[in-house]
Amino acid sequence: MSDITSKPRTKVRVKTERPKLHKVILVNDDYTPREFVVTVLKAEFRMNEDQAYRVMITAHKRGVCVVAVYTKDVAETKATRATDAGRAKGYPLMFTTEPEE
């Protein structure tokens, strides 16, 4: 008899890491009309009228409000497009992004 011991074969599974998520944040200002903010939220973030109004009011009362959470590229694109929509009309509307913890 031989002293050969065979090891069981194991498959190595590579775990793919989920992409880091980023929050899109609406920053309140005292100049952009509420109706315009609601319009931008509906257009860029696909919110209905009630959702957009609640987000706008929360930002108005607290100074900022998390609008949505996306992967970094999507969050930055949406924040830039929403901010640019305000700038195009001459408003200081601002959306920022930050990593979700």
PDB file of N, CA and C in Angstrom:
ATOM      1  N   MET A   1       0.819  -1.179   0.000  1.00  0.00           N
ATOM      2  CA  MET A   1       0.000   0.000   0.000  1.00  0.00           C
ATOM      3  C   MET A   1       0.866   1.247   0.000  1.00  0.00           C
ATOM      4  N   SER A   2       0.322   2.242  -0.631  1.00  0.00           N
ATOM      5  CA  SER A   2       1.076   3.493  -0.706  1.00  0.00           C
ATOM      6  C   SER A   2       0.563   4.473   0.340  1.00  0.00           C
ATOM      7  N   ASP A   3       1.425   5.375   0.714  1.00  0.00           N
ATOM      8  CA  ASP A   3       1.073   6.389   1.724  1.00  0.00           C
ATOM      9  C   ASP A   3       0.612   7.696   1.078  1.00  0.00           C
ATOM     10  N   ILE A   4       0.083   7.601  -0.102  1.00  0.00           N
ATOM     11  CA  ILE A   4      -0.365   8.803  -0.797  1.00  0.00           C
ATOM     12  C   ILE A   4      -1.750   9.189  -0.261  1.00  0.00           C
ATOM     13  N   THR A   5      -1.831  10.380   0.216  1.00  0.00           N
ATOM     14  CA  THR A   5      -3.128  10.881   0.677  1.00  0.00           C
ATOM     15  C   THR A   5      -3.585  11.945  -0.298  1.00  0.00           C
ATOM     16  N   SER A   6      -4.785  11.830  -0.688  1.00  0.00           N
ATOM     17  CA  SER A   6      -5.286  12.822  -1.638  1.00  0.00           C
ATOM     18  C   SER A   6      -6.078  13.893  -0.899  1.00  0.00           C
ATOM     19  N   LYS A   7      -5.833  15.116  -1.295  1.00  0.00           N
ATOM     20  CA  LYS A   7      -6.548  16.238  -0.696  1.00  0.00           C
ATOM     21  C   LYS A   7      -7.830  16.462  -1.489  1.00  0.00           C
ATOM     22  N   PRO A   8      -8.871  16.802  -0.806  1.00  0.00           N
ATOM     23  CA  PRO A   8     -10.101  17.079  -1.545  1.00  0.00           C
ATOM     24  C   PRO A   8      -9.920  18.344  -2.388  1.00  0.00           C
ATOM     25  N   ARG A   9     -10.494  18.321  -3.545  1.00  0.00           N
ATOM     26  CA  ARG A   9     -10.397  19.486  -4.425  1.00  0.00           C
ATOM     27  C   ARG A   9     -11.389  20.539  -3.949  1.00  0.00           C
ATOM     28  N   THR A  10     -10.925  21.755  -3.847  1.00  0.00           N
ATOM     29  CA  THR A  10     -11.805  22.849  -3.448  1.00  0.00           C
ATOM     30  C   THR A  10     -11.819  23.892  -4.559  1.00  0.00           C
ATOM     31  N   LYS A  11     -12.966  24.409  -4.781  1.00  0.00           N
ATOM     32  CA  LYS A  11     -13.096  25.462  -5.775  1.00  0.00           C
ATOM     33  C   LYS A  11     -12.985  26.813  -5.069  1.00  0.00           C
ATOM     34  N   VAL A  12     -12.226  27.672  -5.662  1.00  0.00           N
ATOM     35  CA  VAL A  12     -12.071  29.016  -5.114  1.00  0.00           C
ATOM     36  C   VAL A  12     -13.078  29.918  -5.817  1.00  0.00           C
ATOM     37  N   ARG A  13     -13.935  30.495  -5.037  1.00  0.00           N
ATOM     38  CA  ARG A  13     -14.920  31.427  -5.594  1.00  0.00           C
ATOM     39  C   ARG A  13     -14.467  32.849  -5.332  1.00  0.00           C
ATOM     40  N   VAL A  14     -14.390  33.599  -6.384  1.00  0.00           N
ATOM     41  CA  VAL A  14     -13.988  34.996  -6.263  1.00  0.00           C
ATOM     42  C   VAL A  14     -15.230  35.810  -5.935  1.00  0.00           C
ATOM     43  N   LYS A  15     -15.151  36.514  -4.832  1.00  0.00           N
ATOM     44  CA  LYS A  15     -16.275  37.366  -4.439  1.00  0.00           C
ATOM     45  C   LYS A  15     -16.084  38.731  -5.074  1.00  0.00           C
ATOM     46  N   THR A  16     -17.090  39.145  -5.814  1.00  0.00           N
ATOM     47  CA  THR A  16     -17.017  40.489  -6.378  1.00  0.00           C
ATOM     48  C   THR A  16     -17.575  41.463  -5.356  1.00  0.00           C
ATOM     49  N   GLU A  17     -16.828  42.514  -5.169  1.00  0.00           N
ATOM     50  CA  GLU A  17     -17.232  43.519  -4.180  1.00  0.00           C
ATOM     51  C   GLU A  17     -18.279  44.442  -4.786  1.00  0.00           C
ATOM     52  N   ARG A  18     -19.307  44.724  -4.007  1.00  0.00           N
ATOM     53  CA  ARG A  18     -20.343  45.650  -4.474  1.00  0.00           C
ATOM     54  C   ARG A  18     -19.752  47.047  -4.555  1.00  0.00           C
ATOM     55  N   PRO A  19     -20.200  47.822  -5.541  1.00  0.00           N
ATOM     56  CA  PRO A  19     -19.678  49.190  -5.655  1.00  0.00           C
ATOM     57  C   PRO A  19     -20.110  50.037  -4.466  1.00  0.00           C
ATOM     58  N   LYS A  20     -19.252  50.953  -4.108  1.00  0.00           N
ATOM     59  CA  LYS A  20     -19.568  51.865  -3.010  1.00  0.00           C
ATOM     60  C   LYS A  20     -20.702  52.789  -3.441  1.00  0.00           C
ATOM     61  N   LEU A  21     -21.622  53.052  -2.529  1.00  0.00           N
ATOM     62  CA  LEU A  21     -22.763  53.908  -2.835  1.00  0.00           C
ATOM     63  C   LEU A  21     -22.513  55.336  -2.355  1.00  0.00           C
ATOM     64  N   HIS A  22     -23.129  56.274  -3.058  1.00  0.00           N
ATOM     65  CA  HIS A  22     -23.008  57.693  -2.717  1.00  0.00           C
ATOM     66  C   HIS A  22     -24.395  58.316  -2.620  1.00  0.00           C
ATOM     67  N   LYS A  23     -24.529  59.228  -1.658  1.00  0.00           N
ATOM     68  CA  LYS A  23     -25.787  59.949  -1.461  1.00  0.00           C
ATOM     69  C   LYS A  23     -25.786  61.212  -2.313  1.00  0.00           C
ATOM     70  N   VAL A  24     -26.932  61.503  -2.903  1.00  0.00           N
ATOM     71  CA  VAL A  24     -27.127  62.790  -3.579  1.00  0.00           C
ATOM     72  C   VAL A  24     -27.869  63.662  -2.578  1.00  0.00           C
ATOM     73  N   ILE A  25     -27.321  64.839  -2.309  1.00  0.00           N
ATOM     74  CA  ILE A  25     -27.862  65.719  -1.271  1.00  0.00           C
ATOM     75  C   ILE A  25     -28.302  67.049  -1.880  1.00  0.00           C
ATOM     76  N   LEU A  26     -29.528  67.443  -1.555  1.00  0.00           N
ATOM     77  CA  LEU A  26     -30.055  68.750  -1.955  1.00  0.00           C
ATOM     78  C   LEU A  26     -29.707  69.743  -0.861  1.00  0.00           C
ATOM     79  N   VAL A  27     -29.040  70.837  -1.252  1.00  0.00           N
ATOM     80  CA  VAL A  27     -28.657  71.887  -0.303  1.00  0.00           C
ATOM     81  C   VAL A  27     -29.646  73.039  -0.449  1.00  0.00           C
ATOM     82  N   ASN A  28     -30.221  73.474   0.661  1.00  0.00           N
ATOM     83  CA  ASN A  28     -31.209  74.556   0.641  1.00  0.00           C
ATOM     84  C   ASN A  28     -30.563  75.897   0.316  1.00  0.00           C
ATOM     85  N   ASP A  29     -31.293  76.718  -0.401  1.00  0.00           N
ATOM     86  CA  ASP A  29     -30.914  78.114  -0.596  1.00  0.00           C
ATOM     87  C   ASP A  29     -32.192  78.947  -0.486  1.00  0.00           C
ATOM     88  N   ASP A  30     -32.034  80.243  -0.307  1.00  0.00           N
ATOM     89  CA  ASP A  30     -33.200  81.104  -0.101  1.00  0.00           C
ATOM     90  C   ASP A  30     -33.677  81.788  -1.377  1.00  0.00           C
ATOM     91  N   TYR A  31     -33.165  81.365  -2.537  1.00  0.00           N
ATOM     92  CA  TYR A  31     -33.489  82.073  -3.773  1.00  0.00           C
ATOM     93  C   TYR A  31     -34.203  81.220  -4.816  1.00  0.00           C
ATOM     94  N   THR A  32     -33.914  79.942  -4.875  1.00  0.00           N
ATOM     95  CA  THR A  32     -34.534  79.088  -5.885  1.00  0.00           C
ATOM     96  C   THR A  32     -35.994  78.847  -5.516  1.00  0.00           C
ATOM     97  N   PRO A  33     -36.920  79.118  -6.430  1.00  0.00           N
ATOM     98  CA  PRO A  33     -38.340  78.902  -6.133  1.00  0.00           C
ATOM     99  C   PRO A  33     -38.636  77.426  -5.830  1.00  0.00           C
ATOM    100  N   ARG A  34     -39.521  77.217  -4.887  1.00  0.00           N
ATOM    101  CA  ARG A  34     -39.888  75.858  -4.479  1.00  0.00           C
ATOM    102  C   ARG A  34     -40.411  75.037  -5.651  1.00  0.00           C
ATOM    103  N   GLU A  35     -41.224  75.666  -6.481  1.00  0.00           N
ATOM    104  CA  GLU A  35     -41.814  74.955  -7.624  1.00  0.00           C
ATOM    105  C   GLU A  35     -40.734  74.458  -8.581  1.00  0.00           C
ATOM    106  N   PHE A  36     -39.688  75.268  -8.749  1.00  0.00           N
ATOM    107  CA  PHE A  36     -38.600  74.862  -9.637  1.00  0.00           C
ATOM    108  C   PHE A  36     -37.844  73.670  -9.061  1.00  0.00           C
ATOM    109  N   VAL A  37     -37.590  73.693  -7.763  1.00  0.00           N
ATOM    110  CA  VAL A  37     -36.899  72.578  -7.104  1.00  0.00           C
ATOM    111  C   VAL A  37     -37.709  71.292  -7.287  1.00  0.00           C
ATOM    112  N   VAL A  38     -39.003  71.369  -7.087  1.00  0.00           N
ATOM    113  CA  VAL A  38     -39.884  70.209  -7.258  1.00  0.00           C
ATOM    114  C   VAL A  38     -39.813  69.708  -8.700  1.00  0.00           C
ATOM    115  N   THR A  39     -39.814  70.623  -9.656  1.00  0.00           N
ATOM    116  CA  THR A  39     -39.723  70.244 -11.067  1.00  0.00           C
ATOM    117  C   THR A  39     -38.425  69.504 -11.365  1.00  0.00           C
ATOM    118  N   VAL A  40     -37.310  69.992 -10.835  1.00  0.00           N
ATOM    119  CA  VAL A  40     -36.008  69.346 -11.055  1.00  0.00           C
ATOM    120  C   VAL A  40     -35.985  67.966 -10.407  1.00  0.00           C
ATOM    121  N   LEU A  41     -36.507  67.862  -9.194  1.00  0.00           N
ATOM    122  CA  LEU A  41     -36.534  66.556  -8.512  1.00  0.00           C
ATOM    123  C   LEU A  41     -37.366  65.541  -9.292  1.00  0.00           C
ATOM    124  N   LYS A  42     -38.481  65.980  -9.818  1.00  0.00           N
ATOM    125  CA  LYS A  42     -39.337  65.087 -10.600  1.00  0.00           C
ATOM    126  C   LYS A  42     -38.635  64.658 -11.887  1.00  0.00           C
ATOM    127  N   ALA A  43     -37.982  65.601 -12.554  1.00  0.00           N
ATOM    128  CA  ALA A  43     -37.360  65.307 -13.846  1.00  0.00           C
ATOM    129  C   ALA A  43     -36.096  64.455 -13.700  1.00  0.00           C
ATOM    130  N   GLU A  44     -35.215  64.836 -12.811  1.00  0.00           N
ATOM    131  CA  GLU A  44     -33.915  64.163 -12.716  1.00  0.00           C
ATOM    132  C   GLU A  44     -33.945  62.904 -11.862  1.00  0.00           C
ATOM    133  N   PHE A  45     -34.781  62.899 -10.829  1.00  0.00           N
ATOM    134  CA  PHE A  45     -34.785  61.768  -9.898  1.00  0.00           C
ATOM    135  C   PHE A  45     -36.058  60.928  -9.985  1.00  0.00           C
ATOM    136  N   ARG A  46     -36.879  61.233 -10.980  1.00  0.00           N
ATOM    137  CA  ARG A  46     -38.098  60.468 -11.267  1.00  0.00           C
ATOM    138  C   ARG A  46     -39.013  60.315 -10.047  1.00  0.00           C
ATOM    139  N   MET A  47     -39.181  61.407  -9.333  1.00  0.00           N
ATOM    140  CA  MET A  47     -40.075  61.414  -8.169  1.00  0.00           C
ATOM    141  C   MET A  47     -41.465  61.859  -8.610  1.00  0.00           C
ATOM    142  N   ASN A  48     -42.456  61.452  -7.831  1.00  0.00           N
ATOM    143  CA  ASN A  48     -43.785  62.001  -8.102  1.00  0.00           C
ATOM    144  C   ASN A  48     -43.898  63.343  -7.366  1.00  0.00           C
ATOM    145  N   GLU A  49     -45.010  64.021  -7.554  1.00  0.00           N
ATOM    146  CA  GLU A  49     -45.200  65.355  -6.980  1.00  0.00           C
ATOM    147  C   GLU A  49     -45.043  65.357  -5.455  1.00  0.00           C
ATOM    148  N   ASP A  50     -45.664  64.391  -4.774  1.00  0.00           N
ATOM    149  CA  ASP A  50     -45.612  64.334  -3.304  1.00  0.00           C
ATOM    150  C   ASP A  50     -44.201  64.068  -2.789  1.00  0.00           C
ATOM    151  N   GLN A  51     -43.509  63.119  -3.413  1.00  0.00           N
ATOM    152  CA  GLN A  51     -42.146  62.805  -2.990  1.00  0.00           C
ATOM    153  C   GLN A  51     -41.237  64.021  -3.165  1.00  0.00           C
ATOM    154  N   ALA A  52     -41.326  64.656  -4.323  1.00  0.00           N
ATOM    155  CA  ALA A  52     -40.483  65.813  -4.608  1.00  0.00           C
ATOM    156  C   ALA A  52     -40.763  66.951  -3.625  1.00  0.00           C
ATOM    157  N   TYR A  53     -42.028  67.174  -3.321  1.00  0.00           N
ATOM    158  CA  TYR A  53     -42.398  68.238  -2.385  1.00  0.00           C
ATOM    159  C   TYR A  53     -41.835  67.943  -0.990  1.00  0.00           C
ATOM    160  N   ARG A  54     -41.953  66.698  -0.542  1.00  0.00           N
ATOM    161  CA  ARG A  54     -41.428  66.328   0.789  1.00  0.00           C
ATOM    162  C   ARG A  54     -39.923  66.518   0.875  1.00  0.00           C
ATOM    163  N   VAL A  55     -39.193  66.118  -0.167  1.00  0.00           N
ATOM    164  CA  VAL A  55     -37.738  66.292  -0.179  1.00  0.00           C
ATOM    165  C   VAL A  55     -37.396  67.782  -0.138  1.00  0.00           C
ATOM    166  N   MET A  56     -38.090  68.585  -0.937  1.00  0.00           N
ATOM    167  CA  MET A  56     -37.825  70.021  -0.983  1.00  0.00           C
ATOM    168  C   MET A  56     -38.092  70.666   0.378  1.00  0.00           C
ATOM    169  N   ILE A  57     -39.208  70.317   1.013  1.00  0.00           N
ATOM    170  CA  ILE A  57     -39.545  70.893   2.326  1.00  0.00           C
ATOM    171  C   ILE A  57     -38.547  70.458   3.396  1.00  0.00           C
ATOM    172  N   THR A  58     -38.118  69.211   3.350  1.00  0.00           N
ATOM    173  CA  THR A  58     -37.126  68.727   4.321  1.00  0.00           C
ATOM    174  C   THR A  58     -35.827  69.515   4.172  1.00  0.00           C
ATOM    175  N   ALA A  59     -35.367  69.722   2.942  1.00  0.00           N
ATOM    176  CA  ALA A  59     -34.153  70.512   2.714  1.00  0.00           C
ATOM    177  C   ALA A  59     -34.359  71.947   3.190  1.00  0.00           C
ATOM    178  N   HIS A  60     -35.549  72.486   2.968  1.00  0.00           N
ATOM    179  CA  HIS A  60     -35.853  73.851   3.390  1.00  0.00           C
ATOM    180  C   HIS A  60     -35.792  73.990   4.914  1.00  0.00           C
ATOM    181  N   LYS A  61     -36.335  73.017   5.623  1.00  0.00           N
ATOM    182  CA  LYS A  61     -36.388  73.084   7.088  1.00  0.00           C
ATOM    183  C   LYS A  61     -35.052  72.731   7.738  1.00  0.00           C
ATOM    184  N   ARG A  62     -34.349  71.749   7.194  1.00  0.00           N
ATOM    185  CA  ARG A  62     -33.122  71.251   7.834  1.00  0.00           C
ATOM    186  C   ARG A  62     -31.838  71.766   7.209  1.00  0.00           C
ATOM    187  N   GLY A  63     -31.949  72.385   6.048  1.00  0.00           N
ATOM    188  CA  GLY A  63     -30.755  72.897   5.382  1.00  0.00           C
ATOM    189  C   GLY A  63     -30.253  71.967   4.282  1.00  0.00           C
ATOM    190  N   VAL A  64     -30.408  70.666   4.471  1.00  0.00           N
ATOM    191  CA  VAL A  64     -30.019  69.670   3.464  1.00  0.00           C
ATOM    192  C   VAL A  64     -30.977  68.489   3.549  1.00  0.00           C
ATOM    193  N   CYS A  65     -31.017  67.707   2.478  1.00  0.00           N
ATOM    194  CA  CYS A  65     -31.835  66.497   2.475  1.00  0.00           C
ATOM    195  C   CYS A  65     -31.229  65.492   1.501  1.00  0.00           C
ATOM    196  N   VAL A  66     -31.142  64.232   1.926  1.00  0.00           N
ATOM    197  CA  VAL A  66     -30.680  63.184   1.023  1.00  0.00           C
ATOM    198  C   VAL A  66     -31.800  62.907   0.030  1.00  0.00           C
ATOM    199  N   VAL A  67     -31.476  63.023  -1.248  1.00  0.00           N
ATOM    200  CA  VAL A  67     -32.459  62.832  -2.308  1.00  0.00           C
ATOM    201  C   VAL A  67     -32.539  61.364  -2.697  1.00  0.00           C
ATOM    202  N   ALA A  68     -31.370  60.747  -2.918  1.00  0.00           N
ATOM    203  CA  ALA A  68     -31.325  59.353  -3.356  1.00  0.00           C
ATOM    204  C   ALA A  68     -29.921  58.809  -3.143  1.00  0.00           C
ATOM    205  N   VAL A  69     -29.774  57.497  -3.299  1.00  0.00           N
ATOM    206  CA  VAL A  69     -28.476  56.845  -3.157  1.00  0.00           C
ATOM    207  C   VAL A  69     -28.220  56.020  -4.419  1.00  0.00           C
ATOM    208  N   TYR A  70     -27.037  56.231  -5.011  1.00  0.00           N
ATOM    209  CA  TYR A  70     -26.658  55.552  -6.253  1.00  0.00           C
ATOM    210  C   TYR A  70     -25.186  55.157  -6.172  1.00  0.00           C
ATOM    211  N   THR A  71     -24.727  54.459  -7.216  1.00  0.00           N
ATOM    212  CA  THR A  71     -23.290  54.246  -7.347  1.00  0.00           C
ATOM    213  C   THR A  71     -22.643  55.611  -7.596  1.00  0.00           C
ATOM    214  N   LYS A  72     -21.345  55.700  -7.381  1.00  0.00           N
ATOM    215  CA  LYS A  72     -20.660  56.993  -7.443  1.00  0.00           C
ATOM    216  C   LYS A  72     -20.878  57.722  -8.768  1.00  0.00           C
ATOM    217  N   ASP A  73     -20.692  57.028  -9.889  1.00  0.00           N
ATOM    218  CA  ASP A  73     -20.827  57.679 -11.198  1.00  0.00           C
ATOM    219  C   ASP A  73     -22.235  58.215 -11.429  1.00  0.00           C
ATOM    220  N   VAL A  74     -23.234  57.413 -11.097  1.00  0.00           N
ATOM    221  CA  VAL A  74     -24.625  57.832 -11.306  1.00  0.00           C
ATOM    222  C   VAL A  74     -24.960  59.010 -10.386  1.00  0.00           C
ATOM    223  N   ALA A  75     -24.538  58.927  -9.123  1.00  0.00           N
ATOM    224  CA  ALA A  75     -24.812  60.004  -8.163  1.00  0.00           C
ATOM    225  C   ALA A  75     -24.199  61.324  -8.636  1.00  0.00           C
ATOM    226  N   GLU A  76     -22.946  61.274  -9.069  1.00  0.00           N
ATOM    227  CA  GLU A  76     -22.282  62.498  -9.504  1.00  0.00           C
ATOM    228  C   GLU A  76     -22.927  63.072 -10.767  1.00  0.00           C
ATOM    229  N   THR A  77     -23.326  62.200 -11.683  1.00  0.00           N
ATOM    230  CA  THR A  77     -23.971  62.661 -12.912  1.00  0.00           C
ATOM    231  C   THR A  77     -25.305  63.328 -12.603  1.00  0.00           C
ATOM    232  N   LYS A  78     -26.125  62.692 -11.766  1.00  0.00           N
ATOM    233  CA  LYS A  78     -27.442  63.252 -11.438  1.00  0.00           C
ATOM    234  C   LYS A  78     -27.293  64.569 -10.673  1.00  0.00           C
ATOM    235  N   ALA A  79     -26.362  64.627  -9.727  1.00  0.00           N
ATOM    236  CA  ALA A  79     -26.148  65.862  -8.960  1.00  0.00           C
ATOM    237  C   ALA A  79     -25.700  66.991  -9.880  1.00  0.00           C
ATOM    238  N   THR A  80     -24.812  66.701 -10.805  1.00  0.00           N
ATOM    239  CA  THR A  80     -24.320  67.717 -11.739  1.00  0.00           C
ATOM    240  C   THR A  80     -25.430  68.196 -12.655  1.00  0.00           C
ATOM    241  N   ARG A  81     -26.198  67.264 -13.202  1.00  0.00           N
ATOM    242  CA  ARG A  81     -27.285  67.648 -14.110  1.00  0.00           C
ATOM    243  C   ARG A  81     -28.348  68.484 -13.401  1.00  0.00           C
ATOM    244  N   ALA A  82     -28.675  68.115 -12.158  1.00  0.00           N
ATOM    245  CA  ALA A  82     -29.685  68.863 -11.402  1.00  0.00           C
ATOM    246  C   ALA A  82     -29.166  70.260 -11.053  1.00  0.00           C
ATOM    247  N   THR A  83     -27.909  70.352 -10.651  1.00  0.00           N
ATOM    248  CA  THR A  83     -27.313  71.650 -10.343  1.00  0.00           C
ATOM    249  C   THR A  83     -27.254  72.519 -11.597  1.00  0.00           C
ATOM    250  N   ASP A  84     -26.870  71.914 -12.715  1.00  0.00           N
ATOM    251  CA  ASP A  84     -26.790  72.657 -13.982  1.00  0.00           C
ATOM    252  C   ASP A  84     -28.158  73.169 -14.431  1.00  0.00           C
ATOM    253  N   ALA A  85     -29.219  72.412 -14.140  1.00  0.00           N
ATOM    254  CA  ALA A  85     -30.575  72.856 -14.493  1.00  0.00           C
ATOM    255  C   ALA A  85     -30.903  74.161 -13.768  1.00  0.00           C
ATOM    256  N   GLY A  86     -30.504  74.260 -12.512  1.00  0.00           N
ATOM    257  CA  GLY A  86     -30.720  75.496 -11.756  1.00  0.00           C
ATOM    258  C   GLY A  86     -29.876  76.633 -12.281  1.00  0.00           C
ATOM    259  N   ARG A  87     -28.615  76.343 -12.575  1.00  0.00           N
ATOM    260  CA  ARG A  87     -27.709  77.376 -13.094  1.00  0.00           C
ATOM    261  C   ARG A  87     -28.220  77.921 -14.426  1.00  0.00           C
ATOM    262  N   ALA A  88     -28.779  77.045 -15.257  1.00  0.00           N
ATOM    263  CA  ALA A  88     -29.288  77.469 -16.565  1.00  0.00           C
ATOM    264  C   ALA A  88     -30.419  78.491 -16.425  1.00  0.00           C
ATOM    265  N   LYS A  89     -31.161  78.425 -15.313  1.00  0.00           N
ATOM    266  CA  LYS A  89     -32.252  79.381 -15.066  1.00  0.00           C
ATOM    267  C   LYS A  89     -31.801  80.543 -14.177  1.00  0.00           C
ATOM    268  N   GLY A  90     -30.517  80.539 -13.787  1.00  0.00           N
ATOM    269  CA  GLY A  90     -29.986  81.625 -12.970  1.00  0.00           C
ATOM    270  C   GLY A  90     -30.194  81.447 -11.475  1.00  0.00           C
ATOM    271  N   TYR A  91     -30.472  80.223 -11.029  1.00  0.00           N
ATOM    272  CA  TYR A  91     -30.692  79.949  -9.603  1.00  0.00           C
ATOM    273  C   TYR A  91     -29.460  79.293  -8.986  1.00  0.00           C
ATOM    274  N   PRO A  92     -29.245  79.530  -7.686  1.00  0.00           N
ATOM    275  CA  PRO A  92     -28.097  78.908  -7.012  1.00  0.00           C
ATOM    276  C   PRO A  92     -28.393  77.490  -6.504  1.00  0.00           C
ATOM    277  N   LEU A  93     -29.317  76.796  -7.134  1.00  0.00           N
ATOM    278  CA  LEU A  93     -29.677  75.438  -6.741  1.00  0.00           C
ATOM    279  C   LEU A  93     -28.426  74.556  -6.732  1.00  0.00           C
ATOM    280  N   MET A  94     -28.251  73.774  -5.637  1.00  0.00           N
ATOM    281  CA  MET A  94     -27.045  72.969  -5.549  1.00  0.00           C
ATOM    282  C   MET A  94     -27.344  71.572  -5.002  1.00  0.00           C
ATOM    283  N   PHE A  95     -26.816  70.591  -5.702  1.00  0.00           N
ATOM    284  CA  PHE A  95     -26.850  69.201  -5.266  1.00  0.00           C
ATOM    285  C   PHE A  95     -25.396  68.754  -5.106  1.00  0.00           C
ATOM    286  N   THR A  96     -25.118  68.014  -4.044  1.00  0.00           N
ATOM    287  CA  THR A  96     -23.771  67.492  -3.824  1.00  0.00           C
ATOM    288  C   THR A  96     -23.855  65.981  -3.649  1.00  0.00           C
ATOM    289  N   THR A  97     -22.702  65.335  -3.586  1.00  0.00           N
ATOM    290  CA  THR A  97     -22.662  63.895  -3.307  1.00  0.00           C
ATOM    291  C   THR A  97     -21.668  63.639  -2.187  1.00  0.00           C
ATOM    292  N   GLU A  98     -21.894  62.549  -1.480  1.00  0.00           N
ATOM    293  CA  GLU A  98     -20.918  62.106  -0.487  1.00  0.00           C
ATOM    294  C   GLU A  98     -21.084  60.594  -0.316  1.00  0.00           C
ATOM    295  N   PRO A  99     -19.993  59.918   0.068  1.00  0.00           N
ATOM    296  CA  PRO A  99     -20.071  58.469   0.228  1.00  0.00           C
ATOM    297  C   PRO A  99     -21.037  58.084   1.335  1.00  0.00           C
ATOM    298  N   GLU A 100     -21.744  56.985   1.120  1.00  0.00           N
ATOM    299  CA  GLU A 100     -22.635  56.468   2.156  1.00  0.00           C
ATOM    300  C   GLU A 100     -21.807  55.613   3.088  1.00  0.00           C
ATOM    301  N   GLU A 101     -22.055  55.737   4.368  1.00  0.00           N
ATOM    302  CA  GLU A 101     -21.262  54.986   5.339  1.00  0.00           C
ATOM    303  C   GLU A 101     -21.847  53.640   5.631  1.00  0.00           C
TER     304      GLU A 101
END
